[in-house]
């Protein structure tokens, strides 16, 4: 899943690859990892977003679309739920040497 953070993976595909039914895959994944596959995938996108915000000059909009979000506003609200700040503020506080493109 980590290598495919920008792909639109379907859980049914992951279940097929693992050889399990969808229901069993979700149950086993949550038991092994501690969170649902969807929550895990969202956390991976969040980590990728933090990396892009601090290590690149890409605009917030470009990062949002690169990570598969339908809009920069949806990306910003999703990011804020996990980071307790907007992507713009996160970038400002964590990458002082980068200038923002927004």
PDB file of N, CA and C in Angstrom:
ATOM      1  N   UNK A   1       0.824  -1.199   0.000  1.00  0.00           N
ATOM      2  CA  UNK A   1       0.000   0.000   0.000  1.00  0.00           C
ATOM      3  C   UNK A   1       0.866   1.259   0.000  1.00  0.00           C
ATOM      4  N   UNK A   2       2.004   1.206   0.666  1.00  0.00           N
ATOM      5  CA  UNK A   2       2.852   2.393   0.735  1.00  0.00           C
ATOM      6  C   UNK A   2       3.324   2.841  -0.637  1.00  0.00           C
ATOM      7  N   UNK A   3       3.664   1.894  -1.483  1.00  0.00           N
ATOM      8  CA  UNK A   3       4.178   2.238  -2.804  1.00  0.00           C
ATOM      9  C   UNK A   3       3.101   2.811  -3.702  1.00  0.00           C
ATOM     10  N   UNK A   4       1.857   2.690  -3.307  1.00  0.00           N
ATOM     11  CA  UNK A   4       0.744   3.101  -4.154  1.00  0.00           C
ATOM     12  C   UNK A   4      -0.092   4.210  -3.519  1.00  0.00           C
ATOM     13  N   UNK A   5       0.539   5.092  -2.778  1.00  0.00           N
ATOM     14  CA  UNK A   5      -0.206   6.119  -2.053  1.00  0.00           C
ATOM     15  C   UNK A   5      -0.998   7.027  -2.986  1.00  0.00           C
ATOM     16  N   UNK A   6      -0.544   7.197  -4.203  1.00  0.00           N
ATOM     17  CA  UNK A   6      -1.276   8.058  -5.129  1.00  0.00           C
ATOM     18  C   UNK A   6      -2.214   7.278  -6.041  1.00  0.00           C
ATOM     19  N   UNK A   7      -2.172   5.956  -5.965  1.00  0.00           N
ATOM     20  CA  UNK A   7      -3.073   5.139  -6.778  1.00  0.00           C
ATOM     21  C   UNK A   7      -4.444   5.061  -6.127  1.00  0.00           C
ATOM     22  N   UNK A   8      -5.437   4.832  -6.941  1.00  0.00           N
ATOM     23  CA  UNK A   8      -6.785   4.632  -6.417  1.00  0.00           C
ATOM     24  C   UNK A   8      -7.013   3.128  -6.291  1.00  0.00           C
ATOM     25  N   UNK A   9      -6.418   2.554  -5.265  1.00  0.00           N
ATOM     26  CA  UNK A   9      -6.564   1.125  -5.041  1.00  0.00           C
ATOM     27  C   UNK A   9      -7.952   0.812  -4.511  1.00  0.00           C
ATOM     28  N   UNK A  10      -8.474  -0.269  -4.967  1.00  0.00           N
ATOM     29  CA  UNK A  10      -9.743  -0.750  -4.457  1.00  0.00           C
ATOM     30  C   UNK A  10      -9.443  -1.838  -3.429  1.00  0.00           C
ATOM     31  N   UNK A  11     -10.176  -1.834  -2.331  1.00  0.00           N
ATOM     32  CA  UNK A  11      -9.967  -2.862  -1.323  1.00  0.00           C
ATOM     33  C   UNK A  11     -10.199  -4.247  -1.898  1.00  0.00           C
ATOM     34  N   UNK A  12     -11.136  -4.350  -2.825  1.00  0.00           N
ATOM     35  CA  UNK A  12     -11.403  -5.657  -3.434  1.00  0.00           C
ATOM     36  C   UNK A  12     -10.167  -6.174  -4.172  1.00  0.00           C
ATOM     37  N   UNK A  13      -9.397  -5.272  -4.787  1.00  0.00           N
ATOM     38  CA  UNK A  13      -8.159  -5.675  -5.462  1.00  0.00           C
ATOM     39  C   UNK A  13      -7.135  -6.187  -4.452  1.00  0.00           C
ATOM     40  N   UNK A  14      -7.012  -5.484  -3.334  1.00  0.00           N
ATOM     41  CA  UNK A  14      -6.073  -5.917  -2.300  1.00  0.00           C
ATOM     42  C   UNK A  14      -6.484  -7.261  -1.723  1.00  0.00           C
ATOM     43  N   UNK A  15      -7.775  -7.448  -1.537  1.00  0.00           N
ATOM     44  CA  UNK A  15      -8.277  -8.725  -1.033  1.00  0.00           C
ATOM     45  C   UNK A  15      -7.962  -9.839  -2.025  1.00  0.00           C
ATOM     46  N   UNK A  16      -8.191  -9.582  -3.310  1.00  0.00           N
ATOM     47  CA  UNK A  16      -7.890 -10.583  -4.343  1.00  0.00           C
ATOM     48  C   UNK A  16      -6.409 -10.939  -4.348  1.00  0.00           C
ATOM     49  N   UNK A  17      -5.558  -9.923  -4.264  1.00  0.00           N
ATOM     50  CA  UNK A  17      -4.111 -10.151  -4.262  1.00  0.00           C
ATOM     51  C   UNK A  17      -3.702 -11.005  -3.065  1.00  0.00           C
ATOM     52  N   UNK A  18      -4.329 -10.753  -1.925  1.00  0.00           N
ATOM     53  CA  UNK A  18      -3.986 -11.496  -0.714  1.00  0.00           C
ATOM     54  C   UNK A  18      -4.628 -12.878  -0.670  1.00  0.00           C
ATOM     55  N   UNK A  19      -5.600 -13.108  -1.554  1.00  0.00           N
ATOM     56  CA  UNK A  19      -6.273 -14.405  -1.579  1.00  0.00           C
ATOM     57  C   UNK A  19      -7.407 -14.534  -0.583  1.00  0.00           C
ATOM     58  N   UNK A  20      -7.847 -13.405  -0.021  1.00  0.00           N
ATOM     59  CA  UNK A  20      -8.927 -13.415   0.959  1.00  0.00           C
ATOM     60  C   UNK A  20     -10.182 -12.782   0.377  1.00  0.00           C
ATOM     61  N   UNK A  21     -11.305 -13.091   0.999  1.00  0.00           N
ATOM     62  CA  UNK A  21     -12.534 -12.368   0.660  1.00  0.00           C
ATOM     63  C   UNK A  21     -12.381 -10.940   1.171  1.00  0.00           C
ATOM     64  N   UNK A  22     -13.168 -10.034   0.632  1.00  0.00           N
ATOM     65  CA  UNK A  22     -13.092  -8.634   1.052  1.00  0.00           C
ATOM     66  C   UNK A  22     -13.363  -8.489   2.543  1.00  0.00           C
ATOM     67  N   UNK A  23     -14.397  -9.148   3.014  1.00  0.00           N
ATOM     68  CA  UNK A  23     -14.767  -9.057   4.427  1.00  0.00           C
ATOM     69  C   UNK A  23     -13.643  -9.572   5.325  1.00  0.00           C
ATOM     70  N   UNK A  24     -13.084 -10.725   4.986  1.00  0.00           N
ATOM     71  CA  UNK A  24     -12.015 -11.295   5.795  1.00  0.00           C
ATOM     72  C   UNK A  24     -10.761 -10.426   5.731  1.00  0.00           C
ATOM     73  N   UNK A  25     -10.456  -9.897   4.546  1.00  0.00           N
ATOM     74  CA  UNK A  25      -9.291  -9.028   4.399  1.00  0.00           C
ATOM     75  C   UNK A  25      -9.390  -7.825   5.330  1.00  0.00           C
ATOM     76  N   UNK A  26     -10.550  -7.153   5.332  1.00  0.00           N
ATOM     77  CA  UNK A  26     -10.720  -5.965   6.188  1.00  0.00           C
ATOM     78  C   UNK A  26     -10.595  -6.336   7.658  1.00  0.00           C
ATOM     79  N   UNK A  27     -11.192  -7.454   8.045  1.00  0.00           N
ATOM     80  CA  UNK A  27     -11.128  -7.895   9.438  1.00  0.00           C
ATOM     81  C   UNK A  27      -9.696  -8.237   9.831  1.00  0.00           C
ATOM     82  N   UNK A  28      -9.018  -9.005   8.987  1.00  0.00           N
ATOM     83  CA  UNK A  28      -7.636  -9.406   9.281  1.00  0.00           C
ATOM     84  C   UNK A  28      -6.705  -8.193   9.302  1.00  0.00           C
ATOM     85  N   UNK A  29      -6.878  -7.287   8.361  1.00  0.00           N
ATOM     86  CA  UNK A  29      -6.043  -6.093   8.309  1.00  0.00           C
ATOM     87  C   UNK A  29      -6.191  -5.287   9.599  1.00  0.00           C
ATOM     88  N   UNK A  30      -7.421  -5.057  10.016  1.00  0.00           N
ATOM     89  CA  UNK A  30      -7.645  -4.273  11.232  1.00  0.00           C
ATOM     90  C   UNK A  30      -7.065  -4.975  12.456  1.00  0.00           C
ATOM     91  N   UNK A  31      -7.193  -6.292  12.493  1.00  0.00           N
ATOM     92  CA  UNK A  31      -6.647  -7.041  13.624  1.00  0.00           C
ATOM     93  C   UNK A  31      -5.123  -6.942  13.659  1.00  0.00           C
ATOM     94  N   UNK A  32      -4.486  -7.029  12.499  1.00  0.00           N
ATOM     95  CA  UNK A  32      -3.022  -7.008  12.429  1.00  0.00           C
ATOM     96  C   UNK A  32      -2.433  -5.607  12.581  1.00  0.00           C
ATOM     97  N   UNK A  33      -3.067  -4.617  11.970  1.00  0.00           N
ATOM     98  CA  UNK A  33      -2.504  -3.264  11.921  1.00  0.00           C
ATOM     99  C   UNK A  33      -3.090  -2.350  12.997  1.00  0.00           C
ATOM    100  N   UNK A  34      -4.315  -2.634  13.402  1.00  0.00           N
ATOM    101  CA  UNK A  34      -4.939  -1.833  14.450  1.00  0.00           C
ATOM    102  C   UNK A  34      -5.900  -0.775  13.949  1.00  0.00           C
ATOM    103  N   UNK A  35      -5.925  -0.565  12.642  1.00  0.00           N
ATOM    104  CA  UNK A  35      -6.857   0.382  12.033  1.00  0.00           C
ATOM    105  C   UNK A  35      -7.368  -0.220  10.726  1.00  0.00           C
ATOM    106  N   UNK A  36      -8.434   0.347  10.210  1.00  0.00           N
ATOM    107  CA  UNK A  36      -8.999  -0.162   8.963  1.00  0.00           C
ATOM    108  C   UNK A  36      -8.063   0.134   7.792  1.00  0.00           C
ATOM    109  N   UNK A  37      -8.190  -0.621   6.697  1.00  0.00           N
ATOM    110  CA  UNK A  37      -7.374  -0.316   5.523  1.00  0.00           C
ATOM    111  C   UNK A  37      -7.576   1.116   5.028  1.00  0.00           C
ATOM    112  N   UNK A  38      -8.801   1.606   5.065  1.00  0.00           N
ATOM    113  CA  UNK A  38      -9.076   2.977   4.608  1.00  0.00           C
ATOM    114  C   UNK A  38      -8.363   3.997   5.490  1.00  0.00           C
ATOM    115  N   UNK A  39      -8.418   3.811   6.806  1.00  0.00           N
ATOM    116  CA  UNK A  39      -7.724   4.728   7.710  1.00  0.00           C
ATOM    117  C   UNK A  39      -6.209   4.661   7.508  1.00  0.00           C
ATOM    118  N   UNK A  40      -5.695   3.461   7.297  1.00  0.00           N
ATOM    119  CA  UNK A  40      -4.262   3.295   7.050  1.00  0.00           C
ATOM    120  C   UNK A  40      -3.848   4.036   5.779  1.00  0.00           C
ATOM    121  N   UNK A  41      -4.621   3.846   4.722  1.00  0.00           N
ATOM    122  CA  UNK A  41      -4.314   4.498   3.454  1.00  0.00           C
ATOM    123  C   UNK A  41      -4.363   6.022   3.600  1.00  0.00           C
ATOM    124  N   UNK A  42      -5.355   6.531   4.334  1.00  0.00           N
ATOM    125  CA  UNK A  42      -5.451   7.978   4.562  1.00  0.00           C
ATOM    126  C   UNK A  42      -4.254   8.502   5.351  1.00  0.00           C
ATOM    127  N   UNK A  43      -3.789   7.739   6.323  1.00  0.00           N
ATOM    128  CA  UNK A  43      -2.602   8.155   7.080  1.00  0.00           C
ATOM    129  C   UNK A  43      -1.359   8.182   6.190  1.00  0.00           C
ATOM    130  N   UNK A  44      -1.267   7.245   5.260  1.00  0.00           N
ATOM    131  CA  UNK A  44      -0.130   7.235   4.339  1.00  0.00           C
ATOM    132  C   UNK A  44      -0.170   8.456   3.423  1.00  0.00           C
ATOM    133  N   UNK A  45      -1.361   8.830   2.977  1.00  0.00           N
ATOM    134  CA  UNK A  45      -1.496  10.039   2.156  1.00  0.00           C
ATOM    135  C   UNK A  45      -1.121  11.275   2.971  1.00  0.00           C
ATOM    136  N   UNK A  46      -1.500  11.294   4.246  1.00  0.00           N
ATOM    137  CA  UNK A  46      -1.159  12.399   5.135  1.00  0.00           C
ATOM    138  C   UNK A  46       0.363  12.516   5.281  1.00  0.00           C
ATOM    139  N   UNK A  47       1.034  11.393   5.478  1.00  0.00           N
ATOM    140  CA  UNK A  47       2.495  11.409   5.600  1.00  0.00           C
ATOM    141  C   UNK A  47       3.145  11.881   4.300  1.00  0.00           C
ATOM    142  N   UNK A  48       2.609  11.434   3.171  1.00  0.00           N
ATOM    143  CA  UNK A  48       3.135  11.885   1.877  1.00  0.00           C
ATOM    144  C   UNK A  48       2.923  13.384   1.710  1.00  0.00           C
ATOM    145  N   UNK A  49       1.772  13.874   2.144  1.00  0.00           N
ATOM    146  CA  UNK A  49       1.479  15.308   2.055  1.00  0.00           C
ATOM    147  C   UNK A  49       2.468  16.109   2.897  1.00  0.00           C
ATOM    148  N   UNK A  50       2.733  15.658   4.118  1.00  0.00           N
ATOM    149  CA  UNK A  50       3.692  16.362   4.975  1.00  0.00           C
ATOM    150  C   UNK A  50       5.066  16.426   4.313  1.00  0.00           C
ATOM    151  N   UNK A  51       5.470  15.329   3.710  1.00  0.00           N
ATOM    152  CA  UNK A  51       6.775  15.286   3.036  1.00  0.00           C
ATOM    153  C   UNK A  51       6.806  16.260   1.860  1.00  0.00           C
ATOM    154  N   UNK A  52       5.765  16.257   1.051  1.00  0.00           N
ATOM    155  CA  UNK A  52       5.715  17.171  -0.095  1.00  0.00           C
ATOM    156  C   UNK A  52       5.663  18.631   0.352  1.00  0.00           C
ATOM    157  N   UNK A  53       4.954  18.901   1.425  1.00  0.00           N
ATOM    158  CA  UNK A  53       4.852  20.273   1.922  1.00  0.00           C
ATOM    159  C   UNK A  53       6.189  20.796   2.430  1.00  0.00           C
ATOM    160  N   UNK A  54       6.967  19.933   3.054  1.00  0.00           N
ATOM    161  CA  UNK A  54       8.220  20.391   3.653  1.00  0.00           C
ATOM    162  C   UNK A  54       9.424  20.262   2.737  1.00  0.00           C
ATOM    163  N   UNK A  55       9.339  19.406   1.720  1.00  0.00           N
ATOM    164  CA  UNK A  55      10.511  19.149   0.894  1.00  0.00           C
ATOM    165  C   UNK A  55      10.406  19.661  -0.535  1.00  0.00           C
ATOM    166  N   UNK A  56       9.256  20.245  -0.889  1.00  0.00           N
ATOM    167  CA  UNK A  56       9.100  20.758  -2.253  1.00  0.00           C
ATOM    168  C   UNK A  56       8.482  22.151  -2.220  1.00  0.00           C
ATOM    169  N   UNK A  57       8.517  22.794  -3.357  1.00  0.00           N
ATOM    170  CA  UNK A  57       7.838  24.080  -3.534  1.00  0.00           C
ATOM    171  C   UNK A  57       6.514  23.918  -4.270  1.00  0.00           C
ATOM    172  N   UNK A  58       6.043  22.681  -4.413  1.00  0.00           N
ATOM    173  CA  UNK A  58       4.777  22.455  -5.107  1.00  0.00           C
ATOM    174  C   UNK A  58       3.662  23.222  -4.415  1.00  0.00           C
ATOM    175  N   UNK A  59       2.734  23.713  -5.206  1.00  0.00           N
ATOM    176  CA  UNK A  59       1.592  24.415  -4.621  1.00  0.00           C
ATOM    177  C   UNK A  59       0.705  23.426  -3.874  1.00  0.00           C
ATOM    178  N   UNK A  60      -0.097  23.942  -2.971  1.00  0.00           N
ATOM    179  CA  UNK A  60      -1.046  23.116  -2.226  1.00  0.00           C
ATOM    180  C   UNK A  60      -1.983  22.412  -3.204  1.00  0.00           C
ATOM    181  N   UNK A  61      -2.415  23.115  -4.218  1.00  0.00           N
ATOM    182  CA  UNK A  61      -3.309  22.529  -5.221  1.00  0.00           C
ATOM    183  C   UNK A  61      -2.637  21.367  -5.939  1.00  0.00           C
ATOM    184  N   UNK A  62      -1.391  21.549  -6.350  1.00  0.00           N
ATOM    185  CA  UNK A  62      -0.672  20.469  -7.032  1.00  0.00           C
ATOM    186  C   UNK A  62      -0.497  19.255  -6.125  1.00  0.00           C
ATOM    187  N   UNK A  63      -0.187  19.491  -4.866  1.00  0.00           N
ATOM    188  CA  UNK A  63      -0.042  18.393  -3.911  1.00  0.00           C
ATOM    189  C   UNK A  63      -1.378  17.678  -3.740  1.00  0.00           C
ATOM    190  N   UNK A  64      -2.437  18.436  -3.611  1.00  0.00           N
ATOM    191  CA  UNK A  64      -3.772  17.840  -3.448  1.00  0.00           C
ATOM    192  C   UNK A  64      -4.092  16.904  -4.604  1.00  0.00           C
ATOM    193  N   UNK A  65      -3.913  17.383  -5.822  1.00  0.00           N
ATOM    194  CA  UNK A  65      -4.226  16.557  -6.991  1.00  0.00           C
ATOM    195  C   UNK A  65      -3.260  15.383  -7.130  1.00  0.00           C
ATOM    196  N   UNK A  66      -1.990  15.599  -6.802  1.00  0.00           N
ATOM    197  CA  UNK A  66      -1.006  14.516  -6.884  1.00  0.00           C
ATOM    198  C   UNK A  66      -1.352  13.366  -5.944  1.00  0.00           C
ATOM    199  N   UNK A  67      -1.981  13.697  -4.823  1.00  0.00           N
ATOM    200  CA  UNK A  67      -2.351  12.673  -3.847  1.00  0.00           C
ATOM    201  C   UNK A  67      -3.760  12.130  -4.059  1.00  0.00           C
ATOM    202  N   UNK A  68      -4.410  12.574  -5.126  1.00  0.00           N
ATOM    203  CA  UNK A  68      -5.709  12.007  -5.468  1.00  0.00           C
ATOM    204  C   UNK A  68      -6.915  12.691  -4.870  1.00  0.00           C
ATOM    205  N   UNK A  69      -6.730  13.871  -4.294  1.00  0.00           N
ATOM    206  CA  UNK A  69      -7.873  14.612  -3.756  1.00  0.00           C
ATOM    207  C   UNK A  69      -8.607  15.304  -4.897  1.00  0.00           C
ATOM    208  N   UNK A  70      -9.910  15.451  -4.747  1.00  0.00           N
ATOM    209  CA  UNK A  70     -10.725  16.041  -5.812  1.00  0.00           C
ATOM    210  C   UNK A  70     -10.603  17.556  -5.872  1.00  0.00           C
ATOM    211  N   UNK A  71     -10.141  18.173  -4.792  1.00  0.00           N
ATOM    212  CA  UNK A  71      -9.958  19.628  -4.768  1.00  0.00           C
ATOM    213  C   UNK A  71      -8.965  19.993  -3.674  1.00  0.00           C
ATOM    214  N   UNK A  72      -8.407  21.183  -3.794  1.00  0.00           N
ATOM    215  CA  UNK A  72      -7.471  21.630  -2.760  1.00  0.00           C
ATOM    216  C   UNK A  72      -8.196  21.940  -1.458  1.00  0.00           C
ATOM    217  N   UNK A  73      -9.452  22.351  -1.540  1.00  0.00           N
ATOM    218  CA  UNK A  73     -10.194  22.636  -0.303  1.00  0.00           C
ATOM    219  C   UNK A  73     -10.493  21.346   0.461  1.00  0.00           C
ATOM    220  N   UNK A  74     -10.811  20.264  -0.257  1.00  0.00           N
ATOM    221  CA  UNK A  74     -11.041  18.978   0.413  1.00  0.00           C
ATOM    222  C   UNK A  74      -9.735  18.468   1.019  1.00  0.00           C
ATOM    223  N   UNK A  75      -8.640  18.626   0.292  1.00  0.00           N
ATOM    224  CA  UNK A  75      -7.333  18.251   0.817  1.00  0.00           C
ATOM    225  C   UNK A  75      -7.024  19.043   2.085  1.00  0.00           C
ATOM    226  N   UNK A  76      -7.237  20.347   2.041  1.00  0.00           N
ATOM    227  CA  UNK A  76      -6.941  21.201   3.196  1.00  0.00           C
ATOM    228  C   UNK A  76      -7.761  20.809   4.413  1.00  0.00           C
ATOM    229  N   UNK A  77      -9.041  20.540   4.218  1.00  0.00           N
ATOM    230  CA  UNK A  77      -9.879  20.167   5.366  1.00  0.00           C
ATOM    231  C   UNK A  77      -9.485  18.795   5.900  1.00  0.00           C
ATOM    232  N   UNK A  78      -9.138  17.865   5.015  1.00  0.00           N
ATOM    233  CA  UNK A  78      -8.688  16.537   5.453  1.00  0.00           C
ATOM    234  C   UNK A  78      -7.359  16.636   6.197  1.00  0.00           C
ATOM    235  N   UNK A  79      -6.450  17.449   5.681  1.00  0.00           N
ATOM    236  CA  UNK A  79      -5.144  17.632   6.312  1.00  0.00           C
ATOM    237  C   UNK A  79      -5.309  18.250   7.694  1.00  0.00           C
ATOM    238  N   UNK A  80      -6.172  19.244   7.793  1.00  0.00           N
ATOM    239  CA  UNK A  80      -6.371  19.954   9.058  1.00  0.00           C
ATOM    240  C   UNK A  80      -6.917  19.032  10.146  1.00  0.00           C
ATOM    241  N   UNK A  81      -7.734  18.061   9.766  1.00  0.00           N
ATOM    242  CA  UNK A  81      -8.269  17.112  10.752  1.00  0.00           C
ATOM    243  C   UNK A  81      -7.154  16.329  11.432  1.00  0.00           C
ATOM    244  N   UNK A  82      -6.104  16.020  10.698  1.00  0.00           N
ATOM    245  CA  UNK A  82      -5.007  15.230  11.255  1.00  0.00           C
ATOM    246  C   UNK A  82      -3.876  16.078  11.817  1.00  0.00           C
ATOM    247  N   UNK A  83      -3.598  17.208  11.199  1.00  0.00           N
ATOM    248  CA  UNK A  83      -2.460  18.035  11.622  1.00  0.00           C
ATOM    249  C   UNK A  83      -2.856  19.158  12.572  1.00  0.00           C
ATOM    250  N   UNK A  84      -4.130  19.416  12.710  1.00  0.00           N
ATOM    251  CA  UNK A  84      -4.663  20.502  13.541  1.00  0.00           C
ATOM    252  C   UNK A  84      -4.206  21.867  13.024  1.00  0.00           C
ATOM    253  N   UNK A  85      -3.813  21.909  11.769  1.00  0.00           N
ATOM    254  CA  UNK A  85      -3.498  23.178  11.116  1.00  0.00           C
ATOM    255  C   UNK A  85      -3.643  22.974   9.612  1.00  0.00           C
ATOM    256  N   UNK A  86      -3.716  24.056   8.889  1.00  0.00           N
ATOM    257  CA  UNK A  86      -3.853  23.965   7.437  1.00  0.00           C
ATOM    258  C   UNK A  86      -2.522  23.554   6.810  1.00  0.00           C
ATOM    259  N   UNK A  87      -2.548  23.068   5.579  1.00  0.00           N
ATOM    260  CA  UNK A  87      -1.286  22.754   4.901  1.00  0.00           C
ATOM    261  C   UNK A  87      -0.361  23.967   4.797  1.00  0.00           C
ATOM    262  N   UNK A  88      -0.939  25.147   4.578  1.00  0.00           N
ATOM    263  CA  UNK A  88      -0.130  26.357   4.473  1.00  0.00           C
ATOM    264  C   UNK A  88       0.621  26.630   5.775  1.00  0.00           C
ATOM    265  N   UNK A  89      -0.068  26.520   6.892  1.00  0.00           N
ATOM    266  CA  UNK A  89       0.572  26.759   8.192  1.00  0.00           C
ATOM    267  C   UNK A  89       1.592  25.668   8.494  1.00  0.00           C
ATOM    268  N   UNK A  90       1.250  24.420   8.172  1.00  0.00           N
ATOM    269  CA  UNK A  90       2.200  23.323   8.380  1.00  0.00           C
ATOM    270  C   UNK A  90       3.491  23.591   7.612  1.00  0.00           C
ATOM    271  N   UNK A  91       3.362  23.965   6.353  1.00  0.00           N
ATOM    272  CA  UNK A  91       4.540  24.254   5.520  1.00  0.00           C
ATOM    273  C   UNK A  91       5.352  25.396   6.128  1.00  0.00           C
ATOM    274  N   UNK A  92       4.688  26.453   6.523  1.00  0.00           N
ATOM    275  CA  UNK A  92       5.377  27.619   7.089  1.00  0.00           C
ATOM    276  C   UNK A  92       6.146  27.241   8.354  1.00  0.00           C
ATOM    277  N   UNK A  93       5.543  26.395   9.192  1.00  0.00           N
ATOM    278  CA  UNK A  93       6.160  26.028  10.466  1.00  0.00           C
ATOM    279  C   UNK A  93       7.225  24.941  10.358  1.00  0.00           C
ATOM    280  N   UNK A  94       7.211  24.172   9.273  1.00  0.00           N
ATOM    281  CA  UNK A  94       8.119  23.032   9.171  1.00  0.00           C
ATOM    282  C   UNK A  94       9.141  23.123   8.052  1.00  0.00           C
ATOM    283  N   UNK A  95       9.075  24.128   7.234  1.00  0.00           N
ATOM    284  CA  UNK A  95      10.065  24.260   6.163  1.00  0.00           C
ATOM    285  C   UNK A  95      10.394  25.730   5.924  1.00  0.00           C
ATOM    286  N   UNK A  96      11.080  26.357   6.865  1.00  0.00           N
ATOM    287  CA  UNK A  96      11.342  27.797   6.761  1.00  0.00           C
ATOM    288  C   UNK A  96      12.181  28.202   5.554  1.00  0.00           C
ATOM    289  N   UNK A  97      12.941  27.264   4.986  1.00  0.00           N
ATOM    290  CA  UNK A  97      13.787  27.645   3.852  1.00  0.00           C
ATOM    291  C   UNK A  97      13.054  27.622   2.519  1.00  0.00           C
ATOM    292  N   UNK A  98      11.849  27.051   2.492  1.00  0.00           N
ATOM    293  CA  UNK A  98      11.090  27.003   1.244  1.00  0.00           C
ATOM    294  C   UNK A  98      10.148  28.185   1.152  1.00  0.00           C
ATOM    295  N   UNK A  99      10.030  28.737  -0.026  1.00  0.00           N
ATOM    296  CA  UNK A  99       9.031  29.784  -0.233  1.00  0.00           C
ATOM    297  C   UNK A  99       7.773  29.124  -0.756  1.00  0.00           C
ATOM    298  N   UNK A 100       6.626  29.599  -0.338  1.00  0.00           N
ATOM    299  CA  UNK A 100       5.377  28.981  -0.763  1.00  0.00           C
ATOM    300  C   UNK A 100       4.982  29.450  -2.142  1.00  0.00           C
ATOM    301  N   UNK A 101       4.223  28.592  -2.825  1.00  0.00           N
ATOM    302  CA  UNK A 101       3.765  28.887  -4.179  1.00  0.00           C
ATOM    303  C   UNK A 101       2.282  29.176  -4.210  1.00  0.00           C
ATOM    304  N   UNK A 102       1.685  29.441  -3.074  1.00  0.00           N
ATOM    305  CA  UNK A 102       0.231  29.651  -3.011  1.00  0.00           C
ATOM    306  C   UNK A 102      -0.115  31.095  -2.788  1.00  0.00           C
TER     307      UNK A 102
END
